[in-house]
Amino acid sequence: NNSSKFGTNQQAAEFGDIIYYSPR
């Protein structure tokens, strides 16, 4: 999906209003 972004987990946490937490 070309509109999505990627990076570190910290960046994802900072970006999201809602978080999906996957590490089990």
mmCIF file of all heavy atoms, coordinates in Angstrom:
data_MODEL
# 
_entry.id   MODEL 
# 
loop_
_atom_site.group_PDB 
_atom_site.id 
_atom_site.type_symbol 
_atom_site.label_atom_id 
_atom_site.label_alt_id 
_atom_site.label_comp_id 
_atom_site.label_asym_id 
_atom_site.label_entity_id 
_atom_site.label_seq_id 
_atom_site.pdbx_PDB_ins_code 
_atom_site.Cartn_x 
_atom_site.Cartn_y 
_atom_site.Cartn_z 
_atom_site.occupancy 
_atom_site.B_iso_or_equiv 
_atom_site.pdbx_formal_charge 
_atom_site.auth_seq_id 
_atom_site.auth_comp_id 
_atom_site.auth_asym_id 
_atom_site.auth_atom_id 
_atom_site.pdbx_PDB_model_num 
ATOM 1   N N   . ASN A 1 1  ? 0.860  -1.178  0.000  1.00 0.00 ? 1  ASN A N   1 
ATOM 2   C CA  . ASN A 1 1  ? 0.000  0.000   0.000  1.00 0.00 ? 1  ASN A CA  1 
ATOM 3   C C   . ASN A 1 1  ? 0.897  1.229   0.000  1.00 0.00 ? 1  ASN A C   1 
ATOM 4   O O   . ASN A 1 1  ? 1.557  1.532   0.993  1.00 0.00 ? 1  ASN A O   1 
ATOM 5   C CB  . ASN A 1 1  ? -0.927 0.003   1.219  1.00 0.00 ? 1  ASN A CB  1 
ATOM 6   C CG  . ASN A 1 1  ? -1.890 1.180   1.185  1.00 0.00 ? 1  ASN A CG  1 
ATOM 7   O OD1 . ASN A 1 1  ? -1.543 2.287   1.555  1.00 0.00 ? 1  ASN A OD1 1 
ATOM 8   N ND2 . ASN A 1 1  ? -3.116 0.929   0.744  1.00 0.00 ? 1  ASN A ND2 1 
ATOM 9   N N   . ASN A 1 2  ? 0.909  1.947   -1.108 1.00 0.00 ? 2  ASN A N   1 
ATOM 10  C CA  . ASN A 1 2  ? 1.852  3.040   -1.274 1.00 0.00 ? 2  ASN A CA  1 
ATOM 11  C C   . ASN A 1 2  ? 1.611  4.219   -0.333 1.00 0.00 ? 2  ASN A C   1 
ATOM 12  O O   . ASN A 1 2  ? 2.511  5.032   -0.119 1.00 0.00 ? 2  ASN A O   1 
ATOM 13  C CB  . ASN A 1 2  ? 1.822  3.540   -2.735 1.00 0.00 ? 2  ASN A CB  1 
ATOM 14  C CG  . ASN A 1 2  ? 2.354  2.507   -3.709 1.00 0.00 ? 2  ASN A CG  1 
ATOM 15  O OD1 . ASN A 1 2  ? 3.203  1.694   -3.360 1.00 0.00 ? 2  ASN A OD1 1 
ATOM 16  N ND2 . ASN A 1 2  ? 1.837  2.520   -4.932 1.00 0.00 ? 2  ASN A ND2 1 
ATOM 17  N N   . SER A 1 3  ? 0.406  4.303   0.215  1.00 0.00 ? 3  SER A N   1 
ATOM 18  C CA  . SER A 1 3  ? 0.108  5.432   1.101  1.00 0.00 ? 3  SER A CA  1 
ATOM 19  C C   . SER A 1 3  ? 0.567  5.190   2.537  1.00 0.00 ? 3  SER A C   1 
ATOM 20  O O   . SER A 1 3  ? 0.594  6.122   3.343  1.00 0.00 ? 3  SER A O   1 
ATOM 21  C CB  . SER A 1 3  ? -1.400 5.723   1.094  1.00 0.00 ? 3  SER A CB  1 
ATOM 22  O OG  . SER A 1 3  ? -2.125 4.643   1.677  1.00 0.00 ? 3  SER A OG  1 
ATOM 23  N N   . SER A 1 4  ? 0.907  3.956   2.868  1.00 0.00 ? 4  SER A N   1 
ATOM 24  C CA  . SER A 1 4  ? 1.322  3.651   4.240  1.00 0.00 ? 4  SER A CA  1 
ATOM 25  C C   . SER A 1 4  ? 2.781  4.042   4.453  1.00 0.00 ? 4  SER A C   1 
ATOM 26  O O   . SER A 1 4  ? 3.553  4.207   3.517  1.00 0.00 ? 4  SER A O   1 
ATOM 27  C CB  . SER A 1 4  ? 1.119  2.172   4.544  1.00 0.00 ? 4  SER A CB  1 
ATOM 28  O OG  . SER A 1 4  ? 1.930  1.372   3.701  1.00 0.00 ? 4  SER A OG  1 
ATOM 29  N N   . LYS A 1 5  ? 3.137  4.177   5.740  1.00 0.00 ? 5  LYS A N   1 
ATOM 30  C CA  . LYS A 1 5  ? 4.499  4.534   6.125  1.00 0.00 ? 5  LYS A CA  1 
ATOM 31  C C   . LYS A 1 5  ? 5.116  3.368   6.887  1.00 0.00 ? 5  LYS A C   1 
ATOM 32  O O   . LYS A 1 5  ? 4.411  2.458   7.347  1.00 0.00 ? 5  LYS A O   1 
ATOM 33  C CB  . LYS A 1 5  ? 4.482  5.791   7.000  1.00 0.00 ? 5  LYS A CB  1 
ATOM 34  C CG  . LYS A 1 5  ? 3.845  7.013   6.338  1.00 0.00 ? 5  LYS A CG  1 
ATOM 35  C CD  . LYS A 1 5  ? 3.771  8.172   7.320  1.00 0.00 ? 5  LYS A CD  1 
ATOM 36  C CE  . LYS A 1 5  ? 3.240  9.439   6.652  1.00 0.00 ? 5  LYS A CE  1 
ATOM 37  N NZ  . LYS A 1 5  ? 1.840  9.298   6.212  1.00 0.00 ? 5  LYS A NZ  1 
ATOM 38  N N   . PHE A 1 6  ? 6.426  3.398   7.060  1.00 0.00 ? 6  PHE A N   1 
ATOM 39  C CA  . PHE A 1 6  ? 7.084  2.350   7.834  1.00 0.00 ? 6  PHE A CA  1 
ATOM 40  C C   . PHE A 1 6  ? 8.290  2.928   8.553  1.00 0.00 ? 6  PHE A C   1 
ATOM 41  O O   . PHE A 1 6  ? 8.831  3.975   8.177  1.00 0.00 ? 6  PHE A O   1 
ATOM 42  C CB  . PHE A 1 6  ? 7.501  1.180   6.936  1.00 0.00 ? 6  PHE A CB  1 
ATOM 43  C CG  . PHE A 1 6  ? 8.652  1.494   6.006  1.00 0.00 ? 6  PHE A CG  1 
ATOM 44  C CD1 . PHE A 1 6  ? 9.964  1.256   6.402  1.00 0.00 ? 6  PHE A CD1 1 
ATOM 45  C CD2 . PHE A 1 6  ? 8.421  2.023   4.744  1.00 0.00 ? 6  PHE A CD2 1 
ATOM 46  C CE1 . PHE A 1 6  ? 11.029 1.543   5.540  1.00 0.00 ? 6  PHE A CE1 1 
ATOM 47  C CE2 . PHE A 1 6  ? 9.474  2.314   3.881  1.00 0.00 ? 6  PHE A CE2 1 
ATOM 48  C CZ  . PHE A 1 6  ? 10.779 2.072   4.290  1.00 0.00 ? 6  PHE A CZ  1 
ATOM 49  N N   . GLY A 1 7  ? 8.683  2.220   9.626  1.00 0.00 ? 7  GLY A N   1 
ATOM 50  C CA  . GLY A 1 7  ? 9.840  2.651   10.409 1.00 0.00 ? 7  GLY A CA  1 
ATOM 51  C C   . GLY A 1 7  ? 9.968  1.809   11.659 1.00 0.00 ? 7  GLY A C   1 
ATOM 52  O O   . GLY A 1 7  ? 9.643  0.620   11.658 1.00 0.00 ? 7  GLY A O   1 
ATOM 53  N N   . THR A 1 8  ? 10.402 2.429   12.729 1.00 0.00 ? 8  THR A N   1 
ATOM 54  C CA  . THR A 1 8  ? 10.599 1.704   13.984 1.00 0.00 ? 8  THR A CA  1 
ATOM 55  C C   . THR A 1 8  ? 9.286  1.592   14.757 1.00 0.00 ? 8  THR A C   1 
ATOM 56  O O   . THR A 1 8  ? 8.306  2.287   14.468 1.00 0.00 ? 8  THR A O   1 
ATOM 57  C CB  . THR A 1 8  ? 11.628 2.429   14.863 1.00 0.00 ? 8  THR A CB  1 
ATOM 58  O OG1 . THR A 1 8  ? 11.076 3.694   15.276 1.00 0.00 ? 8  THR A OG1 1 
ATOM 59  C CG2 . THR A 1 8  ? 12.933 2.652   14.114 1.00 0.00 ? 8  THR A CG2 1 
ATOM 60  N N   . ASN A 1 9  ? 9.297  0.724   15.758 1.00 0.00 ? 9  ASN A N   1 
ATOM 61  C CA  . ASN A 1 9  ? 8.119  0.601   16.625 1.00 0.00 ? 9  ASN A CA  1 
ATOM 62  C C   . ASN A 1 9  ? 7.833  1.911   17.353 1.00 0.00 ? 9  ASN A C   1 
ATOM 63  O O   . ASN A 1 9  ? 6.665  2.285   17.538 1.00 0.00 ? 9  ASN A O   1 
ATOM 64  C CB  . ASN A 1 9  ? 8.325  -0.525  17.635 1.00 0.00 ? 9  ASN A CB  1 
ATOM 65  C CG  . ASN A 1 9  ? 8.152  -1.901  17.024 1.00 0.00 ? 9  ASN A CG  1 
ATOM 66  O OD1 . ASN A 1 9  ? 7.262  -2.121  16.210 1.00 0.00 ? 9  ASN A OD1 1 
ATOM 67  N ND2 . ASN A 1 9  ? 9.003  -2.834  17.411 1.00 0.00 ? 9  ASN A ND2 1 
ATOM 68  N N   . GLN A 1 10 ? 8.877  2.609   17.779 1.00 0.00 ? 10 GLN A N   1 
ATOM 69  C CA  . GLN A 1 10 ? 8.683  3.877   18.472 1.00 0.00 ? 10 GLN A CA  1 
ATOM 70  C C   . GLN A 1 10 ? 8.011  4.896   17.555 1.00 0.00 ? 10 GLN A C   1 
ATOM 71  O O   . GLN A 1 10 ? 7.095  5.623   17.974 1.00 0.00 ? 10 GLN A O   1 
ATOM 72  C CB  . GLN A 1 10 ? 10.027 4.418   18.961 1.00 0.00 ? 10 GLN A CB  1 
ATOM 73  C CG  . GLN A 1 10 ? 9.926  5.676   19.810 1.00 0.00 ? 10 GLN A CG  1 
ATOM 74  C CD  . GLN A 1 10 ? 9.270  5.434   21.163 1.00 0.00 ? 10 GLN A CD  1 
ATOM 75  O OE1 . GLN A 1 10 ? 9.384  4.360   21.732 1.00 0.00 ? 10 GLN A OE1 1 
ATOM 76  N NE2 . GLN A 1 10 ? 8.584  6.447   21.677 1.00 0.00 ? 10 GLN A NE2 1 
ATOM 77  N N   . GLN A 1 11 ? 8.423  4.937   16.316 1.00 0.00 ? 11 GLN A N   1 
ATOM 78  C CA  . GLN A 1 11 ? 7.804  5.853   15.357 1.00 0.00 ? 11 GLN A CA  1 
ATOM 79  C C   . GLN A 1 11 ? 6.337  5.495   15.125 1.00 0.00 ? 11 GLN A C   1 
ATOM 80  O O   . GLN A 1 11 ? 5.480  6.382   15.009 1.00 0.00 ? 11 GLN A O   1 
ATOM 81  C CB  . GLN A 1 11 ? 8.579  5.830   14.039 1.00 0.00 ? 11 GLN A CB  1 
ATOM 82  C CG  . GLN A 1 11 ? 9.947  6.469   14.112 1.00 0.00 ? 11 GLN A CG  1 
ATOM 83  C CD  . GLN A 1 11 ? 10.757 6.274   12.837 1.00 0.00 ? 11 GLN A CD  1 
ATOM 84  O OE1 . GLN A 1 11 ? 10.792 5.176   12.260 1.00 0.00 ? 11 GLN A OE1 1 
ATOM 85  N NE2 . GLN A 1 11 ? 11.405 7.328   12.375 1.00 0.00 ? 11 GLN A NE2 1 
ATOM 86  N N   . ALA A 1 12 ? 6.040  4.208   15.047 1.00 0.00 ? 12 ALA A N   1 
ATOM 87  C CA  . ALA A 1 12 ? 4.652  3.770   14.871 1.00 0.00 ? 12 ALA A CA  1 
ATOM 88  C C   . ALA A 1 12 ? 3.803  4.166   16.069 1.00 0.00 ? 12 ALA A C   1 
ATOM 89  O O   . ALA A 1 12 ? 2.655  4.610   15.917 1.00 0.00 ? 12 ALA A O   1 
ATOM 90  C CB  . ALA A 1 12 ? 4.602  2.259   14.662 1.00 0.00 ? 12 ALA A CB  1 
ATOM 91  N N   . ALA A 1 13 ? 4.368  4.017   17.279 1.00 0.00 ? 13 ALA A N   1 
ATOM 92  C CA  . ALA A 1 13 ? 3.652  4.378   18.508 1.00 0.00 ? 13 ALA A CA  1 
ATOM 93  C C   . ALA A 1 13 ? 3.375  5.871   18.553 1.00 0.00 ? 13 ALA A C   1 
ATOM 94  O O   . ALA A 1 13 ? 2.304  6.310   18.989 1.00 0.00 ? 13 ALA A O   1 
ATOM 95  C CB  . ALA A 1 13 ? 4.454  3.946   19.725 1.00 0.00 ? 13 ALA A CB  1 
ATOM 96  N N   . GLU A 1 14 ? 4.334  6.658   18.107 1.00 0.00 ? 14 GLU A N   1 
ATOM 97  C CA  . GLU A 1 14 ? 4.161  8.112   18.094 1.00 0.00 ? 14 GLU A CA  1 
ATOM 98  C C   . GLU A 1 14 ? 3.131  8.534   17.047 1.00 0.00 ? 14 GLU A C   1 
ATOM 99  O O   . GLU A 1 14 ? 2.353  9.472   17.267 1.00 0.00 ? 14 GLU A O   1 
ATOM 100 C CB  . GLU A 1 14 ? 5.500  8.794   17.817 1.00 0.00 ? 14 GLU A CB  1 
ATOM 101 C CG  . GLU A 1 14 ? 6.514  8.615   18.943 1.00 0.00 ? 14 GLU A CG  1 
ATOM 102 C CD  . GLU A 1 14 ? 7.922  9.046   18.548 1.00 0.00 ? 14 GLU A CD  1 
ATOM 103 O OE1 . GLU A 1 14 ? 8.120  9.392   17.346 1.00 0.00 ? 14 GLU A OE1 1 
ATOM 104 O OE2 . GLU A 1 14 ? 8.817  9.025   19.408 1.00 0.00 ? 14 GLU A OE2 1 
ATOM 105 N N   . PHE A 1 15 ? 3.094  7.835   15.923 1.00 0.00 ? 15 PHE A N   1 
ATOM 106 C CA  . PHE A 1 15 ? 2.209  8.188   14.814 1.00 0.00 ? 15 PHE A CA  1 
ATOM 107 C C   . PHE A 1 15 ? 0.746  7.889   15.118 1.00 0.00 ? 15 PHE A C   1 
ATOM 108 O O   . PHE A 1 15 ? -0.144 8.690   14.811 1.00 0.00 ? 15 PHE A O   1 
ATOM 109 C CB  . PHE A 1 15 ? 2.638  7.420   13.561 1.00 0.00 ? 15 PHE A CB  1 
ATOM 110 C CG  . PHE A 1 15 ? 1.752  7.650   12.368 1.00 0.00 ? 15 PHE A CG  1 
ATOM 111 C CD1 . PHE A 1 15 ? 1.985  8.694   11.516 1.00 0.00 ? 15 PHE A CD1 1 
ATOM 112 C CD2 . PHE A 1 15 ? 0.693  6.778   12.094 1.00 0.00 ? 15 PHE A CD2 1 
ATOM 113 C CE1 . PHE A 1 15 ? 1.176  8.910   10.401 1.00 0.00 ? 15 PHE A CE1 1 
ATOM 114 C CE2 . PHE A 1 15 ? -0.125 6.980   10.989 1.00 0.00 ? 15 PHE A CE2 1 
ATOM 115 C CZ  . PHE A 1 15 ? 0.124  8.048   10.141 1.00 0.00 ? 15 PHE A CZ  1 
ATOM 116 N N   . GLY A 1 16 ? 0.480  6.742   15.688 1.00 0.00 ? 16 GLY A N   1 
ATOM 117 C CA  . GLY A 1 16 ? -0.891 6.250   15.776 1.00 0.00 ? 16 GLY A CA  1 
ATOM 118 C C   . GLY A 1 16 ? -1.727 6.880   16.865 1.00 0.00 ? 16 GLY A C   1 
ATOM 119 O O   . GLY A 1 16 ? -1.250 7.114   17.977 1.00 0.00 ? 16 GLY A O   1 
ATOM 120 N N   . ASP A 1 17 ? -3.003 7.133   16.542 1.00 0.00 ? 17 ASP A N   1 
ATOM 121 C CA  . ASP A 1 17 ? -4.004 7.451   17.568 1.00 0.00 ? 17 ASP A CA  1 
ATOM 122 C C   . ASP A 1 17 ? -4.496 6.153   18.200 1.00 0.00 ? 17 ASP A C   1 
ATOM 123 O O   . ASP A 1 17 ? -4.815 6.108   19.387 1.00 0.00 ? 17 ASP A O   1 
ATOM 124 C CB  . ASP A 1 17 ? -5.196 8.183   16.946 1.00 0.00 ? 17 ASP A CB  1 
ATOM 125 C CG  . ASP A 1 17 ? -4.800 9.462   16.243 1.00 0.00 ? 17 ASP A CG  1 
ATOM 126 O OD1 . ASP A 1 17 ? -4.030 10.241  16.831 1.00 0.00 ? 17 ASP A OD1 1 
ATOM 127 O OD2 . ASP A 1 17 ? -5.267 9.675   15.112 1.00 0.00 ? 17 ASP A OD2 1 
ATOM 128 N N   . ILE A 1 18 ? -4.593 5.131   17.352 1.00 0.00 ? 18 ILE A N   1 
ATOM 129 C CA  . ILE A 1 18 ? -4.964 3.782   17.788 1.00 0.00 ? 18 ILE A CA  1 
ATOM 130 C C   . ILE A 1 18 ? -3.800 2.865   17.432 1.00 0.00 ? 18 ILE A C   1 
ATOM 131 O O   . ILE A 1 18 ? -3.264 2.925   16.318 1.00 0.00 ? 18 ILE A O   1 
ATOM 132 C CB  . ILE A 1 18 ? -6.256 3.304   17.108 1.00 0.00 ? 18 ILE A CB  1 
ATOM 133 C CG1 . ILE A 1 18 ? -7.421 4.227   17.479 1.00 0.00 ? 18 ILE A CG1 1 
ATOM 134 C CG2 . ILE A 1 18 ? -6.570 1.852   17.492 1.00 0.00 ? 18 ILE A CG2 1 
ATOM 135 C CD1 . ILE A 1 18 ? -8.731 3.887   16.790 1.00 0.00 ? 18 ILE A CD1 1 
ATOM 136 N N   . ILE A 1 19 ? -3.422 2.008   18.366 1.00 0.00 ? 19 ILE A N   1 
ATOM 137 C CA  . ILE A 1 19 ? -2.257 1.149   18.203 1.00 0.00 ? 19 ILE A CA  1 
ATOM 138 C C   . ILE A 1 19 ? -2.695 -0.312  18.129 1.00 0.00 ? 19 ILE A C   1 
ATOM 139 O O   . ILE A 1 19 ? -3.538 -0.749  18.927 1.00 0.00 ? 19 ILE A O   1 
ATOM 140 C CB  . ILE A 1 19 ? -1.277 1.318   19.382 1.00 0.00 ? 19 ILE A CB  1 
ATOM 141 C CG1 . ILE A 1 19 ? -0.875 2.788   19.546 1.00 0.00 ? 19 ILE A CG1 1 
ATOM 142 C CG2 . ILE A 1 19 ? -0.066 0.420   19.214 1.00 0.00 ? 19 ILE A CG2 1 
ATOM 143 C CD1 . ILE A 1 19 ? -0.149 3.403   18.370 1.00 0.00 ? 19 ILE A CD1 1 
ATOM 144 N N   . TYR A 1 20 ? -2.125 -1.037  17.172 1.00 0.00 ? 20 TYR A N   1 
ATOM 145 C CA  . TYR A 1 20 ? -2.243 -2.493  17.214 1.00 0.00 ? 20 TYR A CA  1 
ATOM 146 C C   . TYR A 1 20 ? -0.918 -3.030  17.728 1.00 0.00 ? 20 TYR A C   1 
ATOM 147 O O   . TYR A 1 20 ? 0.131  -2.853  17.093 1.00 0.00 ? 20 TYR A O   1 
ATOM 148 C CB  . TYR A 1 20 ? -2.559 -3.088  15.833 1.00 0.00 ? 20 TYR A CB  1 
ATOM 149 C CG  . TYR A 1 20 ? -2.606 -4.598  15.863 1.00 0.00 ? 20 TYR A CG  1 
ATOM 150 C CD1 . TYR A 1 20 ? -3.683 -5.261  16.436 1.00 0.00 ? 20 TYR A CD1 1 
ATOM 151 C CD2 . TYR A 1 20 ? -1.559 -5.356  15.358 1.00 0.00 ? 20 TYR A CD2 1 
ATOM 152 C CE1 . TYR A 1 20 ? -3.716 -6.650  16.506 1.00 0.00 ? 20 TYR A CE1 1 
ATOM 153 C CE2 . TYR A 1 20 ? -1.584 -6.734  15.415 1.00 0.00 ? 20 TYR A CE2 1 
ATOM 154 C CZ  . TYR A 1 20 ? -2.663 -7.371  15.986 1.00 0.00 ? 20 TYR A CZ  1 
ATOM 155 O OH  . TYR A 1 20 ? -2.680 -8.741  16.059 1.00 0.00 ? 20 TYR A OH  1 
ATOM 156 N N   . TYR A 1 21 ? -0.972 -3.702  18.905 1.00 0.00 ? 21 TYR A N   1 
ATOM 157 C CA  . TYR A 1 21 ? 0.246  -4.204  19.551 1.00 0.00 ? 21 TYR A CA  1 
ATOM 158 C C   . TYR A 1 21 ? 0.373  -5.692  19.279 1.00 0.00 ? 21 TYR A C   1 
ATOM 159 O O   . TYR A 1 21 ? -0.417 -6.500  19.780 1.00 0.00 ? 21 TYR A O   1 
ATOM 160 C CB  . TYR A 1 21 ? 0.197  -3.940  21.058 1.00 0.00 ? 21 TYR A CB  1 
ATOM 161 C CG  . TYR A 1 21 ? 1.487  -4.293  21.761 1.00 0.00 ? 21 TYR A CG  1 
ATOM 162 C CD1 . TYR A 1 21 ? 2.537  -3.381  21.806 1.00 0.00 ? 21 TYR A CD1 1 
ATOM 163 C CD2 . TYR A 1 21 ? 1.658  -5.534  22.368 1.00 0.00 ? 21 TYR A CD2 1 
ATOM 164 C CE1 . TYR A 1 21 ? 3.730  -3.688  22.445 1.00 0.00 ? 21 TYR A CE1 1 
ATOM 165 C CE2 . TYR A 1 21 ? 2.849  -5.858  23.006 1.00 0.00 ? 21 TYR A CE2 1 
ATOM 166 C CZ  . TYR A 1 21 ? 3.875  -4.935  23.030 1.00 0.00 ? 21 TYR A CZ  1 
ATOM 167 O OH  . TYR A 1 21 ? 5.062  -5.249  23.658 1.00 0.00 ? 21 TYR A OH  1 
ATOM 168 N N   . SER A 1 22 ? 1.375  -6.069  18.489 1.00 0.00 ? 22 SER A N   1 
ATOM 169 C CA  . SER A 1 22 ? 1.510  -7.438  18.025 1.00 0.00 ? 22 SER A CA  1 
ATOM 170 C C   . SER A 1 22 ? 2.499  -8.302  18.791 1.00 0.00 ? 22 SER A C   1 
ATOM 171 O O   . SER A 1 22 ? 2.285  -9.514  18.899 1.00 0.00 ? 22 SER A O   1 
ATOM 172 C CB  . SER A 1 22 ? 1.891  -7.435  16.535 1.00 0.00 ? 22 SER A CB  1 
ATOM 173 O OG  . SER A 1 22 ? 2.004  -8.739  16.044 1.00 0.00 ? 22 SER A OG  1 
ATOM 174 N N   . PRO A 1 23 ? 3.614  -7.747  19.336 1.00 0.00 ? 23 PRO A N   1 
ATOM 175 C CA  . PRO A 1 23 ? 4.608  -8.621  19.975 1.00 0.00 ? 23 PRO A CA  1 
ATOM 176 C C   . PRO A 1 23 ? 3.992  -9.461  21.092 1.00 0.00 ? 23 PRO A C   1 
ATOM 177 O O   . PRO A 1 23 ? 3.445  -8.925  22.054 1.00 0.00 ? 23 PRO A O   1 
ATOM 178 C CB  . PRO A 1 23 ? 5.636  -7.630  20.530 1.00 0.00 ? 23 PRO A CB  1 
ATOM 179 C CG  . PRO A 1 23 ? 5.500  -6.428  19.670 1.00 0.00 ? 23 PRO A CG  1 
ATOM 180 C CD  . PRO A 1 23 ? 4.051  -6.345  19.345 1.00 0.00 ? 23 PRO A CD  1 
ATOM 181 N N   . ARG A 1 24 ? 4.076  -10.772 20.948 1.00 0.00 ? 24 ARG A N   1 
ATOM 182 C CA  . ARG A 1 24 ? 3.407  -11.655 21.905 1.00 0.00 ? 24 ARG A CA  1 
ATOM 183 C C   . ARG A 1 24 ? 4.321  -11.954 23.083 1.00 0.00 ? 24 ARG A C   1 
ATOM 184 O O   . ARG A 1 24 ? 5.470  -12.377 22.901 1.00 0.00 ? 24 ARG A O   1 
ATOM 185 C CB  . ARG A 1 24 ? 3.004  -12.965 21.218 1.00 0.00 ? 24 ARG A CB  1 
ATOM 186 C CG  . ARG A 1 24 ? 2.005  -13.778 22.030 1.00 0.00 ? 24 ARG A CG  1 
ATOM 187 C CD  . ARG A 1 24 ? 1.515  -14.969 21.272 1.00 0.00 ? 24 ARG A CD  1 
ATOM 188 N NE  . ARG A 1 24 ? 2.434  -16.091 21.346 1.00 0.00 ? 24 ARG A NE  1 
ATOM 189 C CZ  . ARG A 1 24 ? 2.141  -17.336 20.993 1.00 0.00 ? 24 ARG A CZ  1 
ATOM 190 N NH1 . ARG A 1 24 ? 0.954  -17.607 20.507 1.00 0.00 ? 24 ARG A NH1 1 
ATOM 191 N NH2 . ARG A 1 24 ? 3.017  -18.294 21.091 1.00 0.00 ? 24 ARG A NH2 1 
# 
